[in-house]
């Protein structure tokens, strides 16, 4: 497979979808990636399993404020410096790179980084969606965790931390000195481990579902075709009654209430942080992280981010299944509601929840 400039709009839509309401704005990155692929030509996309088993792969993306990143657009240097610094530190050249996360802006920055490095892009990612923290990946487990960060002014640092949680703390503490965001390369490992442990096929899935979603609002039967292909469930359609945002130091996020389009007595409560993380239909849990919960504009079916959600919008809320790698209980603990400060909503019931309510339609 090759990614071309003509594919970027579909990929960007897929990245918004897998952002689950978060992951940062993709519009500026979409324009940038289109220019990069127009200038440098098509980008090869490969499966990790098709690379030599012992060859080296790493995840490349950005960490920090996506808002500041839009104001100070990234260039090739931050990502190339981070990747090459990681190569030198571990003493093994990369044969390919993979997006750190397919959701949000990093789904596109991984593409640009591969093109700038002149390397193939691995068809996969380390999250299967967007998550806010560096320790919320399926490639944890090795110690020390090594990462390279590079800021827009040319500063580069190599970090060796005991585990992913320590890396998250150190990087976040460093971001003010790095100008609020930085290019990042991490999870340097063999292609064999990427094939075994990563979330494979996520780039091609984002491309396919992004194209279906982009056409769903205008083509007859487009919405049904998208839901079938995505194995997604329509949970609720209605009008946003209230959006309350909590900007306290303990938790960033909030809650929204949506009144049902047909049954006004029925209300959907959506808890959100950086992404949508929990949906309660009249108090019944119908979706929770790591499920991918998406709010779509009811007319266009364009994904609505957490930041864009506003009172009186007509939306449709859908749920895509979590990537199967998150079924591992040891991994799932990293992305549960308690990591968002929402432990009061109880343990993850997953597929054990009442099937009739888990599959509720409009």
Protein backbone atom coordinates (compact mmCIF):
# COMPACT_ATOMS: atom_id res chain seq x y z
CA UNK A 1 0.00 0.00 0.00
CA UNK A 2 1.08 3.58 -0.63
CA UNK A 3 -0.31 6.75 0.89
CA UNK A 4 -0.67 9.64 -1.53
CA UNK A 5 -1.69 13.26 -1.17
CA UNK A 6 -5.15 12.26 -2.38
CA UNK A 7 -5.58 9.93 0.63
CA UNK A 8 -4.94 12.57 3.27
CA UNK A 9 -8.52 13.86 3.63
CA UNK A 10 -9.81 10.35 4.35
CA UNK A 11 -6.95 9.62 6.75
CA UNK A 12 -7.57 12.90 8.59
CA UNK A 13 -11.25 12.04 9.00
CA UNK A 14 -10.31 8.62 10.32
CA UNK A 15 -7.88 10.22 12.76
CA UNK A 16 -10.68 12.48 14.04
CA UNK A 17 -12.93 9.46 14.45
CA UNK A 18 -10.34 7.51 16.45
CA UNK A 19 -9.61 10.61 18.51
CA UNK A 20 -12.84 9.85 20.41
CA UNK A 21 -13.34 13.59 20.78
CA UNK A 22 -9.68 14.29 21.60
CA UNK A 23 -6.20 13.97 20.19
CA UNK A 24 -5.93 17.57 18.98
CA UNK A 25 -7.13 19.39 15.89
CA UNK A 26 -6.17 17.80 12.58
CA UNK A 27 -6.92 20.56 10.05
CA UNK A 28 -3.47 22.21 10.00
CA UNK A 29 -1.70 18.83 10.08
CA UNK A 30 -3.91 17.63 7.21
CA UNK A 31 -2.79 20.51 5.00
CA UNK A 32 0.84 19.98 6.00
CA UNK A 33 0.81 16.23 5.26
CA UNK A 34 -0.84 16.84 1.89
CA UNK A 35 1.98 19.24 0.98
CA UNK A 36 4.62 16.79 2.20
CA UNK A 37 3.27 13.88 0.14
CA UNK A 38 2.77 16.10 -2.89
CA UNK A 39 6.42 17.17 -2.68
CA UNK A 40 8.05 13.87 -1.63
CA UNK A 41 5.71 11.45 -3.40
CA UNK A 42 3.75 8.41 -2.22
CA UNK A 43 4.68 6.89 1.15
CA UNK A 44 5.06 3.10 1.40
CA UNK A 45 2.91 1.54 4.16
CA UNK A 46 4.04 -1.88 5.39
CA UNK A 47 2.93 -4.47 7.91
CA UNK A 48 5.37 -5.00 10.76
CA UNK A 49 5.18 -8.74 10.07
CA UNK A 50 6.58 -8.16 6.57
CA UNK A 51 9.74 -6.48 7.86
CA UNK A 52 12.88 -8.46 8.83
CA UNK A 53 12.17 -9.84 12.31
CA UNK A 54 15.18 -8.27 14.03
CA UNK A 55 15.01 -4.91 12.25
CA UNK A 56 14.34 -1.81 14.35
CA UNK A 57 11.07 0.14 14.52
CA UNK A 58 10.00 3.07 16.70
CA UNK A 59 6.91 5.16 17.32
CA UNK A 60 7.12 8.81 16.31
CA UNK A 61 4.70 11.61 17.17
CA UNK A 62 4.30 14.78 19.18
CA UNK A 63 3.75 15.35 22.88
CA UNK A 64 2.38 18.45 24.54
CA UNK A 65 -0.08 21.19 23.65
CA UNK A 66 -1.78 20.69 20.29
CA UNK A 67 -3.09 24.27 20.55
CA UNK A 68 0.43 25.70 20.72
CA UNK A 69 1.45 23.33 17.92
CA UNK A 70 -1.15 24.92 15.62
CA UNK A 71 0.24 28.35 16.45
CA UNK A 72 3.82 27.15 15.88
CA UNK A 73 3.43 24.57 13.13
CA UNK A 74 5.80 21.60 13.30
CA UNK A 75 8.44 21.02 10.67
CA UNK A 76 10.56 18.06 9.73
CA UNK A 77 13.38 18.93 12.12
CA UNK A 78 11.68 18.10 15.42
CA UNK A 79 10.69 14.59 14.37
CA UNK A 80 13.84 13.75 12.41
CA UNK A 81 16.06 14.90 15.30
CA UNK A 82 14.08 12.84 17.81
CA UNK A 83 14.17 9.68 15.67
CA UNK A 84 17.86 9.99 14.77
CA UNK A 85 18.80 10.71 18.39
CA UNK A 86 16.98 7.58 19.51
CA UNK A 87 18.77 5.57 16.80
CA UNK A 88 22.18 6.80 17.96
CA UNK A 89 21.41 6.14 21.60
CA UNK A 90 20.35 2.52 21.10
CA UNK A 91 22.88 1.90 18.32
CA UNK A 92 20.42 0.45 15.83
CA UNK A 93 19.14 2.27 12.71
CA UNK A 94 15.41 2.33 12.07
CA UNK A 95 13.98 0.55 9.04
CA UNK A 96 10.45 1.96 9.54
CA UNK A 97 8.42 4.11 11.93
CA UNK A 98 4.89 3.84 13.27
CA UNK A 99 2.48 6.53 14.50
CA UNK A 100 2.42 6.74 18.28
CA UNK A 101 -1.38 6.97 18.17
CA UNK A 102 -3.80 6.84 15.25
CA UNK A 103 -6.32 9.16 16.92
CA UNK A 104 -6.11 12.90 16.43
CA UNK A 105 -3.16 14.91 15.15
CA UNK A 106 -0.56 12.20 15.88
CA UNK A 107 -2.22 9.94 13.33
CA UNK A 108 -1.11 12.47 10.70
CA UNK A 109 2.21 13.51 12.22
CA UNK A 110 3.38 9.90 12.13
CA UNK A 111 2.81 9.92 8.36
CA UNK A 112 4.74 13.16 7.91
CA UNK A 113 7.59 11.88 10.09
CA UNK A 114 7.98 8.72 8.01
CA UNK A 115 8.08 10.78 4.82
CA UNK A 116 10.62 13.23 6.26
CA UNK A 117 12.82 10.35 7.47
CA UNK A 118 12.57 8.60 4.10
CA UNK A 119 11.31 5.42 5.80
CA UNK A 120 8.23 3.24 5.30
CA UNK A 121 5.28 3.73 7.63
CA UNK A 122 4.21 0.72 9.67
CA UNK A 123 0.48 0.04 9.35
CA UNK A 124 -0.26 0.18 13.07
CA UNK A 125 -0.03 2.31 16.18
CA UNK A 126 0.48 1.93 19.92
CA UNK A 127 -3.01 2.97 21.14
CA UNK A 128 -5.64 2.19 18.49
CA UNK A 129 -7.25 5.56 19.24
CA UNK A 130 -6.20 8.71 21.17
CA UNK A 131 -5.12 8.64 24.79
CA UNK A 132 -3.64 11.60 26.67
CA UNK A 133 -0.66 9.90 28.37
CA UNK A 134 2.56 8.28 27.18
CA UNK A 135 2.08 5.29 29.48
CA UNK A 136 -1.28 4.45 27.85
CA UNK A 137 0.19 2.33 25.05
CA UNK A 138 0.17 -1.40 24.34
CA UNK A 139 3.97 -1.44 23.93
CA UNK A 140 4.83 -0.95 27.62
CA UNK A 141 6.75 -3.54 29.61
CA UNK A 142 10.41 -3.00 28.74
CA UNK A 143 12.66 -1.30 31.31
CA UNK A 144 14.17 1.19 31.07
CA UNK A 145 11.78 3.07 28.80
CA UNK A 146 13.85 5.16 26.41
CA UNK A 147 12.53 8.18 24.55
CA UNK A 148 13.97 11.10 22.61
CA UNK A 149 12.32 14.52 22.56
CA UNK A 150 13.19 17.49 20.37
CA UNK A 151 11.69 20.97 20.55
CA UNK A 152 11.17 23.50 17.73
CA UNK A 153 14.29 25.48 18.71
CA UNK A 154 16.66 22.51 18.30
CA UNK A 155 17.01 21.23 21.86
CA UNK A 156 17.06 17.43 22.06
CA UNK A 157 17.06 15.16 25.10
CA UNK A 158 17.29 11.42 25.67
CA UNK A 159 15.25 10.13 28.59
CA UNK A 160 15.71 6.78 30.31
CA UNK A 161 12.93 6.11 32.80
CA UNK A 162 12.01 3.12 34.95
CA UNK A 163 8.61 2.70 33.31
CA UNK A 164 6.00 4.43 31.21
CA UNK A 165 4.45 6.24 34.17
CA UNK A 166 7.83 7.74 35.09
CA UNK A 167 8.40 8.78 31.47
CA UNK A 168 5.01 10.49 31.43
CA UNK A 169 5.86 12.47 34.59
CA UNK A 170 9.32 13.50 33.37
CA UNK A 171 8.16 14.56 29.91
CA UNK A 172 5.22 16.59 31.25
CA UNK A 173 7.50 18.32 33.74
CA UNK A 174 9.90 19.17 30.88
CA UNK A 175 7.32 20.57 28.46
CA UNK A 176 7.37 24.18 29.74
CA UNK A 177 11.11 24.32 29.03
CA UNK A 178 10.56 22.73 25.61
CA UNK A 179 8.07 25.38 24.51
CA UNK A 180 4.89 23.43 25.40
CA UNK A 181 5.32 20.70 22.77
CA UNK A 182 8.05 18.53 21.25
CA UNK A 183 8.67 15.82 18.67
CA UNK A 184 8.94 12.41 20.28
CA UNK A 185 10.42 9.02 19.35
CA UNK A 186 9.99 6.04 21.68
CA UNK A 187 9.34 2.29 21.89
CA UNK A 188 12.45 1.36 19.89
CA UNK A 189 12.07 -2.39 19.37
CA UNK A 190 12.16 -5.18 16.82
CA UNK A 191 9.67 -5.53 14.00
CA UNK A 192 8.80 -8.97 15.42
CA UNK A 193 7.65 -7.43 18.70
CA UNK A 194 5.72 -4.72 16.85
CA UNK A 195 3.95 -7.42 14.83
CA UNK A 196 3.09 -9.30 18.02
CA UNK A 197 2.22 -6.48 20.42
CA UNK A 198 1.21 -3.39 18.45
CA UNK A 199 -2.29 -2.55 17.19
CA UNK A 200 -1.86 -3.72 13.63
CA UNK A 201 -3.75 -2.34 10.64
CA UNK A 202 -4.82 0.89 12.29
CA UNK A 203 -3.54 3.21 9.54
CA UNK A 204 -5.38 1.35 6.77
CA UNK A 205 -8.48 1.11 9.00
CA UNK A 206 -8.44 4.87 9.65
CA UNK A 207 -8.08 5.46 5.92
CA UNK A 208 -11.00 3.17 5.04
CA UNK A 209 -13.37 4.30 7.78
CA UNK A 210 -12.41 7.94 7.30
CA UNK A 211 -13.44 7.71 3.66
CA UNK A 212 -16.75 6.06 4.56
CA UNK A 213 -17.42 8.63 7.29
CA UNK A 214 -16.54 11.54 5.03
CA UNK A 215 -19.18 10.38 2.54
CA UNK A 216 -21.73 9.15 5.08
CA UNK A 217 -23.46 12.50 5.52
CA UNK A 218 -24.16 12.97 1.81
CA UNK A 219 -24.59 9.52 0.24
CA UNK A 220 -27.83 7.50 0.54
CA UNK A 221 -27.18 4.57 2.87
CA UNK A 222 -23.78 5.99 3.76
CA UNK A 223 -24.38 6.04 7.49
CA UNK A 224 -25.51 2.43 7.60
CA UNK A 225 -22.52 1.38 5.47
CA UNK A 226 -20.16 3.14 7.83
CA UNK A 227 -21.69 1.56 10.95
CA UNK A 228 -21.45 -1.91 9.42
CA UNK A 229 -17.83 -1.50 8.34
CA UNK A 230 -16.79 0.03 11.66
CA UNK A 231 -18.75 -2.56 13.71
CA UNK A 232 -20.13 0.55 15.39
CA UNK A 233 -23.39 1.06 17.30
CA UNK A 234 -25.54 4.17 17.26
CA UNK A 235 -26.24 4.88 20.91
CA UNK A 236 -28.26 8.09 20.96
CA UNK A 237 -29.53 11.01 18.86
CA UNK A 238 -30.58 14.27 20.40
CA UNK A 239 -29.94 17.86 21.40
CA UNK A 240 -27.18 18.94 23.79
CA UNK A 241 -28.90 20.48 26.83
CA UNK A 242 -25.88 21.31 28.98
CA UNK A 243 -22.08 21.24 28.90
CA UNK A 244 -20.24 21.73 32.19
CA UNK A 245 -16.45 21.95 32.08
CA UNK A 246 -14.20 21.30 35.08
CA UNK A 247 -10.81 22.96 34.83
CA UNK A 248 -9.69 22.19 38.39
CA UNK A 249 -6.16 20.96 39.10
CA UNK A 250 -7.53 17.55 40.07
CA UNK A 251 -9.28 16.85 36.78
CA UNK A 252 -9.64 18.39 33.35
CA UNK A 253 -12.88 17.49 31.69
CA UNK A 254 -16.56 17.75 32.40
CA UNK A 255 -19.98 16.37 31.62
CA UNK A 256 -22.60 16.93 28.93
CA UNK A 257 -26.32 16.08 28.91
CA UNK A 258 -28.14 15.18 25.69
CA UNK A 259 -31.94 14.99 25.37
CA UNK A 260 -33.25 12.23 23.11
CA UNK A 261 -34.67 13.30 19.75
CA UNK A 262 -37.79 11.08 19.91
CA UNK A 263 -38.21 10.44 23.66
CA UNK A 264 -37.57 13.76 25.48
CA UNK A 265 -37.75 12.03 28.87
CA UNK A 266 -34.59 10.08 28.02
CA UNK A 267 -31.18 11.63 28.66
CA UNK A 268 -27.65 10.62 27.77
CA UNK A 269 -24.90 11.72 30.15
CA UNK A 270 -21.44 11.96 28.58
CA UNK A 271 -18.40 12.21 30.85
CA UNK A 272 -15.34 13.60 29.11
CA UNK A 273 -11.74 14.43 29.87
CA UNK A 274 -9.33 14.93 26.98
CA UNK A 275 -11.67 12.50 25.14
CA UNK A 276 -15.19 11.16 25.62
CA UNK A 277 -14.77 8.43 28.24
CA UNK A 278 -18.22 7.35 29.49
CA UNK A 279 -21.81 7.39 28.20
CA UNK A 280 -24.80 6.71 30.48
CA UNK A 281 -28.25 6.28 28.94
CA UNK A 282 -30.71 7.15 31.74
CA UNK A 283 -28.03 6.03 34.18
CA UNK A 284 -27.15 2.79 32.37
CA UNK A 285 -23.57 2.37 31.19
CA UNK A 286 -23.66 1.97 27.38
CA UNK A 287 -20.04 2.84 26.54
CA UNK A 288 -16.85 3.48 28.45
CA UNK A 289 -13.15 3.90 27.72
CA UNK A 290 -11.35 2.12 26.02
CA UNK A 291 -14.47 1.98 23.81
CA UNK A 292 -14.20 4.69 21.16
CA UNK A 293 -17.07 7.10 21.85
CA UNK A 294 -17.77 9.65 19.11
CA UNK A 295 -20.13 12.58 18.94
CA UNK A 296 -21.14 13.28 15.34
CA UNK A 297 -22.90 16.33 13.93
CA UNK A 298 -26.41 15.00 13.23
CA UNK A 299 -26.57 16.67 9.81
CA UNK A 300 -23.06 16.17 8.37
CA UNK A 301 -21.77 13.32 10.55
CA UNK A 302 -18.55 15.23 11.11
CA UNK A 303 -16.89 14.25 14.42
CA UNK A 304 -17.36 16.85 17.16
CA UNK A 305 -14.44 17.20 19.55
CA UNK A 306 -14.75 17.65 23.31
CA UNK A 307 -13.65 21.28 22.86
CA UNK A 308 -16.29 21.94 20.18
CA UNK A 309 -19.25 20.38 22.00
CA UNK A 310 -21.83 23.10 22.68
CA UNK A 311 -25.37 23.57 23.96
CA UNK A 312 -28.18 23.15 21.39
CA UNK A 313 -26.09 21.09 18.96
CA UNK A 314 -27.92 18.15 17.43
CA UNK A 315 -25.63 15.15 17.68
CA UNK A 316 -25.55 11.41 17.19
CA UNK A 317 -23.39 9.44 19.62
CA UNK A 318 -21.85 6.21 18.40
CA UNK A 319 -19.61 3.58 19.93
CA UNK A 320 -16.81 1.71 18.17
CA UNK A 321 -15.38 -1.35 19.90
CA UNK A 322 -12.07 -0.96 21.67
CA UNK A 323 -9.09 -2.52 19.87
CA UNK A 324 -8.81 -6.14 20.97
CA UNK A 325 -5.33 -5.59 22.46
CA UNK A 326 -7.01 -3.68 25.28
CA UNK A 327 -8.89 -6.84 26.29
CA UNK A 328 -5.77 -7.87 28.23
CA UNK A 329 -6.62 -7.00 31.88
CA UNK A 330 -3.06 -5.83 32.57
CA UNK A 331 -3.26 -3.37 29.70
CA UNK A 332 -6.85 -2.34 30.36
CA UNK A 333 -5.91 -1.10 33.85
CA UNK A 334 -3.91 1.70 32.20
CA UNK A 335 -6.91 3.16 30.41
CA UNK A 336 -9.85 2.59 32.79
CA UNK A 337 -12.12 5.28 34.22
CA UNK A 338 -9.99 5.52 37.36
CA UNK A 339 -7.13 6.94 35.27
CA UNK A 340 -9.48 9.84 34.43
CA UNK A 341 -10.54 10.41 38.04
CA UNK A 342 -13.88 8.63 37.52
CA UNK A 343 -13.46 5.57 39.72
CA UNK A 344 -16.84 6.30 41.36
CA UNK A 345 -18.59 4.87 38.29
CA UNK A 346 -17.48 1.37 39.20
CA UNK A 347 -15.41 -1.36 37.55
CA UNK A 348 -15.32 -2.03 33.85
CA UNK A 349 -18.17 -4.41 33.03
CA UNK A 350 -17.32 -4.53 29.29
CA UNK A 351 -19.14 -7.25 27.41
CA UNK A 352 -20.79 -8.44 30.62
CA UNK A 353 -23.09 -5.43 30.66
CA UNK A 354 -26.74 -6.11 29.72
CA UNK A 355 -26.68 -6.81 25.98
CA UNK A 356 -29.95 -4.98 25.32
CA UNK A 357 -28.57 -1.76 26.77
CA UNK A 358 -25.10 -2.16 25.33
CA UNK A 359 -26.65 -2.29 21.86
CA UNK A 360 -29.26 0.41 22.37
CA UNK A 361 -30.30 2.29 19.23
CA UNK A 362 -32.15 5.55 18.73
